[in-house]
Amino acid sequence: MTERQAAAWPGAVAEAQLYVETSTVPLDLDDHYWRVRWDDEIRPGRGRTMWATWSDGEYFIEIWMDVYGSPRVAVASLIWMHNGSDEECDCEPCVDERESDSQ
């Protein structure tokens, strides 16, 4: 991270946290819920654009930050449409399959 990115990071996470009601969004990028991608340096020595995504299964956060520490924060609430590992999945194909298995 550039110095400006490091300085702006806590504010970007705090902005995202305003919308996440059920979890605490960690500042630590090494947390297992964060996935971070760094773009190639356009101008060597100036730093790299950062793309960080986080999800706890209920919310999805994306924070994009340029080398100058200007973040764009997006937060989504997730609705699971299907979960193959959930024996009580409420999607129509799973309900239909359970009903046909019970006959």
PDB file of N, CA and C in Angstrom:
ATOM      1  N   MET A   1       0.840  -1.186   0.000  1.00  0.00           N
ATOM      2  CA  MET A   1       0.000   0.000   0.000  1.00  0.00           C
ATOM      3  C   MET A   1       0.883   1.246   0.000  1.00  0.00           C
ATOM      4  N   THR A   2       0.404   2.255  -0.707  1.00  0.00           N
ATOM      5  CA  THR A   2       1.088   3.536  -0.608  1.00  0.00           C
ATOM      6  C   THR A   2       0.720   4.155   0.741  1.00  0.00           C
ATOM      7  N   GLU A   3       1.446   5.156   1.143  1.00  0.00           N
ATOM      8  CA  GLU A   3       1.136   5.835   2.403  1.00  0.00           C
ATOM      9  C   GLU A   3      -0.276   6.409   2.378  1.00  0.00           C
ATOM     10  N   ARG A   4      -0.666   6.964   1.249  1.00  0.00           N
ATOM     11  CA  ARG A   4      -2.012   7.533   1.138  1.00  0.00           C
ATOM     12  C   ARG A   4      -3.088   6.447   1.202  1.00  0.00           C
ATOM     13  N   GLN A   5      -2.848   5.323   0.579  1.00  0.00           N
ATOM     14  CA  GLN A   5      -3.793   4.210   0.660  1.00  0.00           C
ATOM     15  C   GLN A   5      -3.927   3.722   2.103  1.00  0.00           C
ATOM     16  N   ALA A   6      -2.787   3.573   2.772  1.00  0.00           N
ATOM     17  CA  ALA A   6      -2.808   3.112   4.164  1.00  0.00           C
ATOM     18  C   ALA A   6      -3.560   4.096   5.061  1.00  0.00           C
ATOM     19  N   ALA A   7      -3.410   5.370   4.805  1.00  0.00           N
ATOM     20  CA  ALA A   7      -4.107   6.373   5.607  1.00  0.00           C
ATOM     21  C   ALA A   7      -5.610   6.373   5.336  1.00  0.00           C
ATOM     22  N   ALA A   8      -6.016   6.096   4.100  1.00  0.00           N
ATOM     23  CA  ALA A   8      -7.431   6.136   3.724  1.00  0.00           C
ATOM     24  C   ALA A   8      -8.161   4.825   4.009  1.00  0.00           C
ATOM     25  N   TRP A   9      -7.425   3.731   4.154  1.00  0.00           N
ATOM     26  CA  TRP A   9      -8.035   2.419   4.319  1.00  0.00           C
ATOM     27  C   TRP A   9      -9.015   2.349   5.502  1.00  0.00           C
ATOM     28  N   PRO A  10      -8.654   2.797   6.710  1.00  0.00           N
ATOM     29  CA  PRO A  10      -9.610   2.707   7.827  1.00  0.00           C
ATOM     30  C   PRO A  10     -10.916   3.455   7.559  1.00  0.00           C
ATOM     31  N   GLY A  11     -10.864   4.576   6.886  1.00  0.00           N
ATOM     32  CA  GLY A  11     -12.075   5.322   6.555  1.00  0.00           C
ATOM     33  C   GLY A  11     -12.953   4.578   5.567  1.00  0.00           C
ATOM     34  N   ALA A  12     -12.330   3.912   4.598  1.00  0.00           N
ATOM     35  CA  ALA A  12     -13.091   3.143   3.615  1.00  0.00           C
ATOM     36  C   ALA A  12     -13.785   1.961   4.290  1.00  0.00           C
ATOM     37  N   VAL A  13     -13.080   1.281   5.186  1.00  0.00           N
ATOM     38  CA  VAL A  13     -13.676   0.156   5.908  1.00  0.00           C
ATOM     39  C   VAL A  13     -14.795   0.657   6.820  1.00  0.00           C
ATOM     40  N   ALA A  14     -14.592   1.792   7.464  1.00  0.00           N
ATOM     41  CA  ALA A  14     -15.636   2.365   8.331  1.00  0.00           C
ATOM     42  C   ALA A  14     -16.887   2.714   7.524  1.00  0.00           C
ATOM     43  N   GLU A  15     -16.701   3.231   6.318  1.00  0.00           N
ATOM     44  CA  GLU A  15     -17.850   3.534   5.454  1.00  0.00           C
ATOM     45  C   GLU A  15     -18.622   2.256   5.136  1.00  0.00           C
ATOM     46  N   ALA A  16     -17.918   1.197   4.787  1.00  0.00           N
ATOM     47  CA  ALA A  16     -18.576  -0.079   4.483  1.00  0.00           C
ATOM     48  C   ALA A  16     -19.281  -0.625   5.718  1.00  0.00           C
ATOM     49  N   GLN A  17     -18.657  -0.487   6.874  1.00  0.00           N
ATOM     50  CA  GLN A  17     -19.221  -1.016   8.113  1.00  0.00           C
ATOM     51  C   GLN A  17     -20.582  -0.405   8.441  1.00  0.00           C
ATOM     52  N   LEU A  18     -20.827   0.816   7.974  1.00  0.00           N
ATOM     53  CA  LEU A  18     -22.117   1.464   8.206  1.00  0.00           C
ATOM     54  C   LEU A  18     -23.284   0.629   7.673  1.00  0.00           C
ATOM     55  N   TYR A  19     -23.027  -0.199   6.669  1.00  0.00           N
ATOM     56  CA  TYR A  19     -24.072  -0.962   6.002  1.00  0.00           C
ATOM     57  C   TYR A  19     -24.083  -2.436   6.377  1.00  0.00           C
ATOM     58  N   VAL A  20     -23.069  -2.887   7.087  1.00  0.00           N
ATOM     59  CA  VAL A  20     -22.962  -4.292   7.481  1.00  0.00           C
ATOM     60  C   VAL A  20     -23.379  -4.396   8.946  1.00  0.00           C
ATOM     61  N   GLU A  21     -24.549  -4.991   9.156  1.00  0.00           N
ATOM     62  CA  GLU A  21     -25.135  -5.003  10.489  1.00  0.00           C
ATOM     63  C   GLU A  21     -24.780  -6.232  11.315  1.00  0.00           C
ATOM     64  N   THR A  22     -24.394  -7.321  10.690  1.00  0.00           N
ATOM     65  CA  THR A  22     -24.238  -8.572  11.421  1.00  0.00           C
ATOM     66  C   THR A  22     -22.795  -9.009  11.647  1.00  0.00           C
ATOM     67  N   SER A  23     -21.834  -8.309  11.102  1.00  0.00           N
ATOM     68  CA  SER A  23     -20.427  -8.674  11.245  1.00  0.00           C
ATOM     69  C   SER A  23     -19.587  -7.435  11.459  1.00  0.00           C
ATOM     70  N   THR A  24     -18.398  -7.653  11.990  1.00  0.00           N
ATOM     71  CA  THR A  24     -17.418  -6.581  12.087  1.00  0.00           C
ATOM     72  C   THR A  24     -16.452  -6.750  10.931  1.00  0.00           C
ATOM     73  N   VAL A  25     -16.349  -5.729  10.098  1.00  0.00           N
ATOM     74  CA  VAL A  25     -15.452  -5.783   8.943  1.00  0.00           C
ATOM     75  C   VAL A  25     -14.043  -5.482   9.435  1.00  0.00           C
ATOM     76  N   PRO A  26     -13.109  -6.413   9.273  1.00  0.00           N
ATOM     77  CA  PRO A  26     -11.763  -6.217   9.792  1.00  0.00           C
ATOM     78  C   PRO A  26     -10.934  -5.252   8.936  1.00  0.00           C
ATOM     79  N   LEU A  27     -10.056  -4.538   9.597  1.00  0.00           N
ATOM     80  CA  LEU A  27      -9.113  -3.668   8.886  1.00  0.00           C
ATOM     81  C   LEU A  27      -7.964  -4.466   8.275  1.00  0.00           C
ATOM     82  N   ASP A  28      -7.652  -5.582   8.876  1.00  0.00           N
ATOM     83  CA  ASP A  28      -6.511  -6.390   8.471  1.00  0.00           C
ATOM     84  C   ASP A  28      -6.767  -7.077   7.130  1.00  0.00           C
ATOM     85  N   LEU A  29      -6.009  -6.713   6.122  1.00  0.00           N
ATOM     86  CA  LEU A  29      -6.170  -7.312   4.797  1.00  0.00           C
ATOM     87  C   LEU A  29      -5.766  -8.785   4.761  1.00  0.00           C
ATOM     88  N   ASP A  30      -5.085  -9.253   5.796  1.00  0.00           N
ATOM     89  CA  ASP A  30      -4.720 -10.665   5.863  1.00  0.00           C
ATOM     90  C   ASP A  30      -5.856 -11.519   6.433  1.00  0.00           C
ATOM     91  N   ASP A  31      -6.954 -10.888   6.862  1.00  0.00           N
ATOM     92  CA  ASP A  31      -8.107 -11.633   7.335  1.00  0.00           C
ATOM     93  C   ASP A  31      -8.612 -12.524   6.205  1.00  0.00           C
ATOM     94  N   HIS A  32      -9.046 -13.739   6.550  1.00  0.00           N
ATOM     95  CA  HIS A  32      -9.410 -14.725   5.519  1.00  0.00           C
ATOM     96  C   HIS A  32     -10.632 -14.340   4.696  1.00  0.00           C
ATOM     97  N   TYR A  33     -11.431 -13.375   5.122  1.00  0.00           N
ATOM     98  CA  TYR A  33     -12.578 -12.940   4.318  1.00  0.00           C
ATOM     99  C   TYR A  33     -12.188 -11.924   3.231  1.00  0.00           C
ATOM    100  N   TRP A  34     -11.058 -11.276   3.364  1.00  0.00           N
ATOM    101  CA  TRP A  34     -10.618 -10.305   2.358  1.00  0.00           C
ATOM    102  C   TRP A  34      -9.911 -11.006   1.209  1.00  0.00           C
ATOM    103  N   ARG A  35     -10.185 -10.553   0.005  1.00  0.00           N
ATOM    104  CA  ARG A  35      -9.453 -10.955  -1.207  1.00  0.00           C
ATOM    105  C   ARG A  35      -8.963  -9.659  -1.833  1.00  0.00           C
ATOM    106  N   VAL A  36      -7.674  -9.582  -2.099  1.00  0.00           N
ATOM    107  CA  VAL A  36      -7.093  -8.332  -2.595  1.00  0.00           C
ATOM    108  C   VAL A  36      -6.355  -8.597  -3.900  1.00  0.00           C
ATOM    109  N   ARG A  37      -6.584  -7.702  -4.857  1.00  0.00           N
ATOM    110  CA  ARG A  37      -5.863  -7.746  -6.124  1.00  0.00           C
ATOM    111  C   ARG A  37      -5.183  -6.397  -6.316  1.00  0.00           C
ATOM    112  N   TRP A  38      -3.955  -6.437  -6.732  1.00  0.00           N
ATOM    113  CA  TRP A  38      -3.192  -5.224  -7.007  1.00  0.00           C
ATOM    114  C   TRP A  38      -2.956  -5.137  -8.503  1.00  0.00           C
ATOM    115  N   ASP A  39      -3.324  -4.023  -9.120  1.00  0.00           N
ATOM    116  CA  ASP A  39      -3.039  -3.824 -10.541  1.00  0.00           C
ATOM    117  C   ASP A  39      -1.547  -3.599 -10.742  1.00  0.00           C
ATOM    118  N   ASP A  40      -1.095  -3.800 -11.967  1.00  0.00           N
ATOM    119  CA  ASP A  40       0.294  -3.511 -12.295  1.00  0.00           C
ATOM    120  C   ASP A  40       0.557  -2.014 -12.138  1.00  0.00           C
ATOM    121  N   GLU A  41       1.793  -1.692 -11.806  1.00  0.00           N
ATOM    122  CA  GLU A  41       2.172  -0.282 -11.706  1.00  0.00           C
ATOM    123  C   GLU A  41       2.175   0.342 -13.096  1.00  0.00           C
ATOM    124  N   ILE A  42       1.489   1.448 -13.237  1.00  0.00           N
ATOM    125  CA  ILE A  42       1.496   2.174 -14.500  1.00  0.00           C
ATOM    126  C   ILE A  42       2.760   3.027 -14.582  1.00  0.00           C
ATOM    127  N   ARG A  43       3.094   3.637 -13.469  1.00  0.00           N
ATOM    128  CA  ARG A  43       4.311   4.448 -13.373  1.00  0.00           C
ATOM    129  C   ARG A  43       5.154   3.858 -12.250  1.00  0.00           C
ATOM    130  N   PRO A  44       6.229   3.153 -12.586  1.00  0.00           N
ATOM    131  CA  PRO A  44       7.037   2.467 -11.571  1.00  0.00           C
ATOM    132  C   PRO A  44       7.421   3.383 -10.406  1.00  0.00           C
ATOM    133  N   GLY A  45       7.233   2.810  -9.190  1.00  0.00           N
ATOM    134  CA  GLY A  45       7.569   3.546  -7.984  1.00  0.00           C
ATOM    135  C   GLY A  45       6.438   4.380  -7.429  1.00  0.00           C
ATOM    136  N   ARG A  46       5.318   4.464  -8.139  1.00  0.00           N
ATOM    137  CA  ARG A  46       4.194   5.302  -7.692  1.00  0.00           C
ATOM    138  C   ARG A  46       3.147   4.508  -6.907  1.00  0.00           C
ATOM    139  N   GLY A  47       3.203   3.186  -6.959  1.00  0.00           N
ATOM    140  CA  GLY A  47       2.216   2.368  -6.272  1.00  0.00           C
ATOM    141  C   GLY A  47       1.265   1.722  -7.253  1.00  0.00           C
ATOM    142  N   ARG A  48       0.347   0.917  -6.695  1.00  0.00           N
ATOM    143  CA  ARG A  48      -0.586   0.154  -7.528  1.00  0.00           C
ATOM    144  C   ARG A  48      -2.018   0.358  -7.046  1.00  0.00           C
ATOM    145  N   THR A  49      -2.932   0.353  -7.987  1.00  0.00           N
ATOM    146  CA  THR A  49      -4.346   0.418  -7.655  1.00  0.00           C
ATOM    147  C   THR A  49      -4.738  -0.869  -6.940  1.00  0.00           C
ATOM    148  N   MET A  50      -5.584  -0.734  -5.922  1.00  0.00           N
ATOM    149  CA  MET A  50      -5.988  -1.857  -5.093  1.00  0.00           C
ATOM    150  C   MET A  50      -7.466  -2.163  -5.289  1.00  0.00           C
ATOM    151  N   TRP A  51      -7.806  -3.447  -5.403  1.00  0.00           N
ATOM    152  CA  TRP A  51      -9.179  -3.938  -5.452  1.00  0.00           C
ATOM    153  C   TRP A  51      -9.325  -4.920  -4.303  1.00  0.00           C
ATOM    154  N   ALA A  52     -10.140  -4.601  -3.326  1.00  0.00           N
ATOM    155  CA  ALA A  52     -10.335  -5.486  -2.180  1.00  0.00           C
ATOM    156  C   ALA A  52     -11.809  -5.869  -2.100  1.00  0.00           C
ATOM    157  N   THR A  53     -12.069  -7.166  -1.939  1.00  0.00           N
ATOM    158  CA  THR A  53     -13.436  -7.637  -1.766  1.00  0.00           C
ATOM    159  C   THR A  53     -13.513  -8.441  -0.473  1.00  0.00           C
ATOM    160  N   TRP A  54     -14.668  -8.362   0.156  1.00  0.00           N
ATOM    161  CA  TRP A  54     -14.912  -9.050   1.427  1.00  0.00           C
ATOM    162  C   TRP A  54     -16.342  -9.560   1.421  1.00  0.00           C
ATOM    163  N   SER A  55     -16.551 -10.750   1.964  1.00  0.00           N
ATOM    164  CA  SER A  55     -17.908 -11.271   2.097  1.00  0.00           C
ATOM    165  C   SER A  55     -17.975 -12.198   3.292  1.00  0.00           C
ATOM    166  N   ASP A  56     -19.086 -12.079   4.047  1.00  0.00           N
ATOM    167  CA  ASP A  56     -19.338 -12.978   5.164  1.00  0.00           C
ATOM    168  C   ASP A  56     -20.505 -13.906   4.876  1.00  0.00           C
ATOM    169  N   GLY A  57     -20.994 -13.899   3.640  1.00  0.00           N
ATOM    170  CA  GLY A  57     -22.127 -14.720   3.266  1.00  0.00           C
ATOM    171  C   GLY A  57     -23.445 -13.968   3.291  1.00  0.00           C
ATOM    172  N   GLU A  58     -23.497 -12.861   4.022  1.00  0.00           N
ATOM    173  CA  GLU A  58     -24.689 -12.020   4.052  1.00  0.00           C
ATOM    174  C   GLU A  58     -24.466 -10.699   3.319  1.00  0.00           C
ATOM    175  N   TYR A  59     -23.226 -10.232   3.333  1.00  0.00           N
ATOM    176  CA  TYR A  59     -22.871  -8.966   2.699  1.00  0.00           C
ATOM    177  C   TYR A  59     -21.649  -9.173   1.817  1.00  0.00           C
ATOM    178  N   PHE A  60     -21.541  -8.323   0.813  1.00  0.00           N
ATOM    179  CA  PHE A  60     -20.384  -8.298  -0.080  1.00  0.00           C
ATOM    180  C   PHE A  60     -19.903  -6.856  -0.165  1.00  0.00           C
ATOM    181  N   ILE A  61     -18.617  -6.658   0.042  1.00  0.00           N
ATOM    182  CA  ILE A  61     -18.019  -5.319  -0.009  1.00  0.00           C
ATOM    183  C   ILE A  61     -16.950  -5.312  -1.085  1.00  0.00           C
ATOM    184  N   GLU A  62     -16.902  -4.214  -1.844  1.00  0.00           N
ATOM    185  CA  GLU A  62     -15.812  -3.992  -2.781  1.00  0.00           C
ATOM    186  C   GLU A  62     -15.254  -2.603  -2.502  1.00  0.00           C
ATOM    187  N   ILE A  63     -13.949  -2.542  -2.311  1.00  0.00           N
ATOM    188  CA  ILE A  63     -13.273  -1.262  -2.128  1.00  0.00           C
ATOM    189  C   ILE A  63     -12.191  -1.164  -3.192  1.00  0.00           C
ATOM    190  N   TRP A  64     -12.334  -0.172  -4.014  1.00  0.00           N
ATOM    191  CA  TRP A  64     -11.336   0.131  -5.045  1.00  0.00           C
ATOM    192  C   TRP A  64     -10.616   1.380  -4.585  1.00  0.00           C
ATOM    193  N   MET A  65      -9.287   1.388  -4.661  1.00  0.00           N
ATOM    194  CA  MET A  65      -8.541   2.560  -4.215  1.00  0.00           C
ATOM    195  C   MET A  65      -7.365   2.824  -5.148  1.00  0.00           C
ATOM    196  N   ASP A  66      -7.298   4.057  -5.634  1.00  0.00           N
ATOM    197  CA  ASP A  66      -6.170   4.415  -6.497  1.00  0.00           C
ATOM    198  C   ASP A  66      -4.930   4.669  -5.644  1.00  0.00           C
ATOM    199  N   VAL A  67      -3.815   4.931  -6.302  1.00  0.00           N
ATOM    200  CA  VAL A  67      -2.546   5.099  -5.584  1.00  0.00           C
ATOM    201  C   VAL A  67      -2.539   6.338  -4.684  1.00  0.00           C
ATOM    202  N   TYR A  68      -3.470   7.249  -4.922  1.00  0.00           N
ATOM    203  CA  TYR A  68      -3.533   8.477  -4.130  1.00  0.00           C
ATOM    204  C   TYR A  68      -4.422   8.326  -2.903  1.00  0.00           C
ATOM    205  N   GLY A  69      -4.996   7.137  -2.705  1.00  0.00           N
ATOM    206  CA  GLY A  69      -5.805   6.892  -1.530  1.00  0.00           C
ATOM    207  C   GLY A  69      -7.229   7.382  -1.649  1.00  0.00           C
ATOM    208  N   SER A  70      -7.749   7.454  -2.874  1.00  0.00           N
ATOM    209  CA  SER A  70      -9.145   7.840  -3.086  1.00  0.00           C
ATOM    210  C   SER A  70      -9.980   6.574  -3.254  1.00  0.00           C
ATOM    211  N   PRO A  71     -10.744   6.196  -2.221  1.00  0.00           N
ATOM    212  CA  PRO A  71     -11.497   4.947  -2.311  1.00  0.00           C
ATOM    213  C   PRO A  71     -12.878   5.111  -2.925  1.00  0.00           C
ATOM    214  N   ARG A  72     -13.342   4.035  -3.533  1.00  0.00           N
ATOM    215  CA  ARG A  72     -14.749   3.869  -3.913  1.00  0.00           C
ATOM    216  C   ARG A  72     -15.237   2.639  -3.171  1.00  0.00           C
ATOM    217  N   VAL A  73     -16.292   2.816  -2.413  1.00  0.00           N
ATOM    218  CA  VAL A  73     -16.798   1.747  -1.552  1.00  0.00           C
ATOM    219  C   VAL A  73     -18.175   1.322  -2.039  1.00  0.00           C
ATOM    220  N   ALA A  74     -18.374   0.019  -2.216  1.00  0.00           N
ATOM    221  CA  ALA A  74     -19.677  -0.527  -2.599  1.00  0.00           C
ATOM    222  C   ALA A  74     -20.008  -1.674  -1.649  1.00  0.00           C
ATOM    223  N   VAL A  75     -21.275  -1.723  -1.221  1.00  0.00           N
ATOM    224  CA  VAL A  75     -21.733  -2.769  -0.304  1.00  0.00           C
ATOM    225  C   VAL A  75     -23.032  -3.364  -0.853  1.00  0.00           C
ATOM    226  N   ALA A  76     -23.104  -4.690  -0.863  1.00  0.00           N
ATOM    227  CA  ALA A  76     -24.314  -5.382  -1.319  1.00  0.00           C
ATOM    228  C   ALA A  76     -24.803  -6.318  -0.223  1.00  0.00           C
ATOM    229  N   SER A  77     -26.110  -6.464  -0.141  1.00  0.00           N
ATOM    230  CA  SER A  77     -26.735  -7.457   0.719  1.00  0.00           C
ATOM    231  C   SER A  77     -27.022  -8.672  -0.149  1.00  0.00           C
ATOM    232  N   LEU A  78     -26.617  -9.848   0.306  1.00  0.00           N
ATOM    233  CA  LEU A  78     -26.741 -11.043  -0.508  1.00  0.00           C
ATOM    234  C   LEU A  78     -28.022 -11.807  -0.200  1.00  0.00           C
ATOM    235  N   ILE A  79     -28.629 -12.307  -1.242  1.00  0.00           N
ATOM    236  CA  ILE A  79     -29.763 -13.216  -1.127  1.00  0.00           C
ATOM    237  C   ILE A  79     -29.335 -14.508  -1.806  1.00  0.00           C
ATOM    238  N   TRP A  80     -29.246 -15.571  -1.029  1.00  0.00           N
ATOM    239  CA  TRP A  80     -28.819 -16.848  -1.582  1.00  0.00           C
ATOM    240  C   TRP A  80     -29.966 -17.471  -2.360  1.00  0.00           C
ATOM    241  N   MET A  81     -29.723 -17.750  -3.616  1.00  0.00           N
ATOM    242  CA  MET A  81     -30.742 -18.339  -4.475  1.00  0.00           C
ATOM    243  C   MET A  81     -30.718 -19.864  -4.399  1.00  0.00           C
ATOM    244  N   HIS A  82     -29.526 -20.433  -4.171  1.00  0.00           N
ATOM    245  CA  HIS A  82     -29.373 -21.887  -4.096  1.00  0.00           C
ATOM    246  C   HIS A  82     -28.139 -22.178  -3.265  1.00  0.00           C
ATOM    247  N   ASN A  83     -28.240 -23.230  -2.448  1.00  0.00           N
ATOM    248  CA  ASN A  83     -27.087 -23.704  -1.685  1.00  0.00           C
ATOM    249  C   ASN A  83     -27.138 -25.226  -1.703  1.00  0.00           C
ATOM    250  N   GLY A  84     -26.318 -25.815  -2.522  1.00  0.00           N
ATOM    251  CA  GLY A  84     -26.321 -27.262  -2.697  1.00  0.00           C
ATOM    252  C   GLY A  84     -25.947 -28.043  -1.450  1.00  0.00           C
ATOM    253  N   SER A  85     -25.297 -27.418  -0.492  1.00  0.00           N
ATOM    254  CA  SER A  85     -24.923 -28.122   0.737  1.00  0.00           C
ATOM    255  C   SER A  85     -25.971 -27.964   1.837  1.00  0.00           C
ATOM    256  N   ASP A  86     -27.044 -27.238   1.561  1.00  0.00           N
ATOM    257  CA  ASP A  86     -28.116 -27.036   2.532  1.00  0.00           C
ATOM    258  C   ASP A  86     -29.252 -28.009   2.220  1.00  0.00           C
ATOM    259  N   GLU A  87     -29.487 -28.958   3.114  1.00  0.00           N
ATOM    260  CA  GLU A  87     -30.533 -29.961   2.890  1.00  0.00           C
ATOM    261  C   GLU A  87     -31.928 -29.352   2.866  1.00  0.00           C
ATOM    262  N   GLU A  88     -32.072 -28.131   3.359  1.00  0.00           N
ATOM    263  CA  GLU A  88     -33.369 -27.461   3.384  1.00  0.00           C
ATOM    264  C   GLU A  88     -33.385 -26.230   2.483  1.00  0.00           C
ATOM    265  N   CYS A  89     -32.585 -26.250   1.433  1.00  0.00           N
ATOM    266  CA  CYS A  89     -32.556 -25.135   0.485  1.00  0.00           C
ATOM    267  C   CYS A  89     -33.963 -24.886  -0.045  1.00  0.00           C
ATOM    268  N   ASP A  90     -34.361 -23.617  -0.072  1.00  0.00           N
ATOM    269  CA  ASP A  90     -35.728 -23.256  -0.455  1.00  0.00           C
ATOM    270  C   ASP A  90     -35.907 -22.963  -1.941  1.00  0.00           C
ATOM    271  N   CYS A  91     -34.872 -23.166  -2.750  1.00  0.00           N
ATOM    272  CA  CYS A  91     -35.055 -22.880  -4.178  1.00  0.00           C
ATOM    273  C   CYS A  91     -35.985 -23.919  -4.787  1.00  0.00           C
ATOM    274  N   GLU A  92     -36.659 -23.549  -5.846  1.00  0.00           N
ATOM    275  CA  GLU A  92     -37.678 -24.411  -6.454  1.00  0.00           C
ATOM    276  C   GLU A  92     -37.132 -25.775  -6.896  1.00  0.00           C
ATOM    277  N   PRO A  93     -35.975 -25.828  -7.585  1.00  0.00           N
ATOM    278  CA  PRO A  93     -35.467 -27.148  -7.985  1.00  0.00           C
ATOM    279  C   PRO A  93     -35.185 -28.063  -6.785  1.00  0.00           C
ATOM    280  N   CYS A  94     -34.653 -27.514  -5.689  1.00  0.00           N
ATOM    281  CA  CYS A  94     -34.369 -28.349  -4.507  1.00  0.00           C
ATOM    282  C   CYS A  94     -35.656 -28.812  -3.836  1.00  0.00           C
ATOM    283  N   VAL A  95     -36.624 -27.923  -3.721  1.00  0.00           N
ATOM    284  CA  VAL A  95     -37.917 -28.303  -3.137  1.00  0.00           C
ATOM    285  C   VAL A  95     -38.564 -29.391  -3.989  1.00  0.00           C
ATOM    286  N   ASP A  96     -38.557 -29.222  -5.316  1.00  0.00           N
ATOM    287  CA  ASP A  96     -39.131 -30.220  -6.228  1.00  0.00           C
ATOM    288  C   ASP A  96     -38.421 -31.571  -6.077  1.00  0.00           C
ATOM    289  N   GLU A  97     -37.097 -31.531  -5.942  1.00  0.00           N
ATOM    290  CA  GLU A  97     -36.335 -32.776  -5.801  1.00  0.00           C
ATOM    291  C   GLU A  97     -36.676 -33.479  -4.494  1.00  0.00           C
ATOM    292  N   ARG A  98     -36.779 -32.736  -3.397  1.00  0.00           N
ATOM    293  CA  ARG A  98     -37.147 -33.329  -2.117  1.00  0.00           C
ATOM    294  C   ARG A  98     -38.538 -33.940  -2.165  1.00  0.00           C
ATOM    295  N   GLU A  99     -39.461 -33.238  -2.819  1.00  0.00           N
ATOM    296  CA  GLU A  99     -40.836 -33.740  -2.921  1.00  0.00           C
ATOM    297  C   GLU A  99     -40.886 -35.006  -3.767  1.00  0.00           C
ATOM    298  N   SER A 100     -40.113 -35.054  -4.845  1.00  0.00           N
ATOM    299  CA  SER A 100     -40.126 -36.257  -5.704  1.00  0.00           C
ATOM    300  C   SER A 100     -39.433 -37.423  -4.989  1.00  0.00           C
ATOM    301  N   ASP A 101     -38.428 -37.140  -4.153  1.00  0.00           N
ATOM    302  CA  ASP A 101     -37.762 -38.193  -3.400  1.00  0.00           C
ATOM    303  C   ASP A 101     -38.661 -38.781  -2.318  1.00  0.00           C
ATOM    304  N   SER A 102     -39.589 -37.973  -1.806  1.00  0.00           N
ATOM    305  CA  SER A 102     -40.457 -38.431  -0.718  1.00  0.00           C
ATOM    306  C   SER A 102     -41.656 -39.239  -1.221  1.00  0.00           C
ATOM    307  N   GLN A 103     -41.854 -39.296  -2.531  1.00  0.00           N
ATOM    308  CA  GLN A 103     -43.010 -40.015  -3.094  1.00  0.00           C
ATOM    309  C   GLN A 103     -42.666 -41.437  -3.398  1.00  0.00           C
TER     310      GLN A 103
END
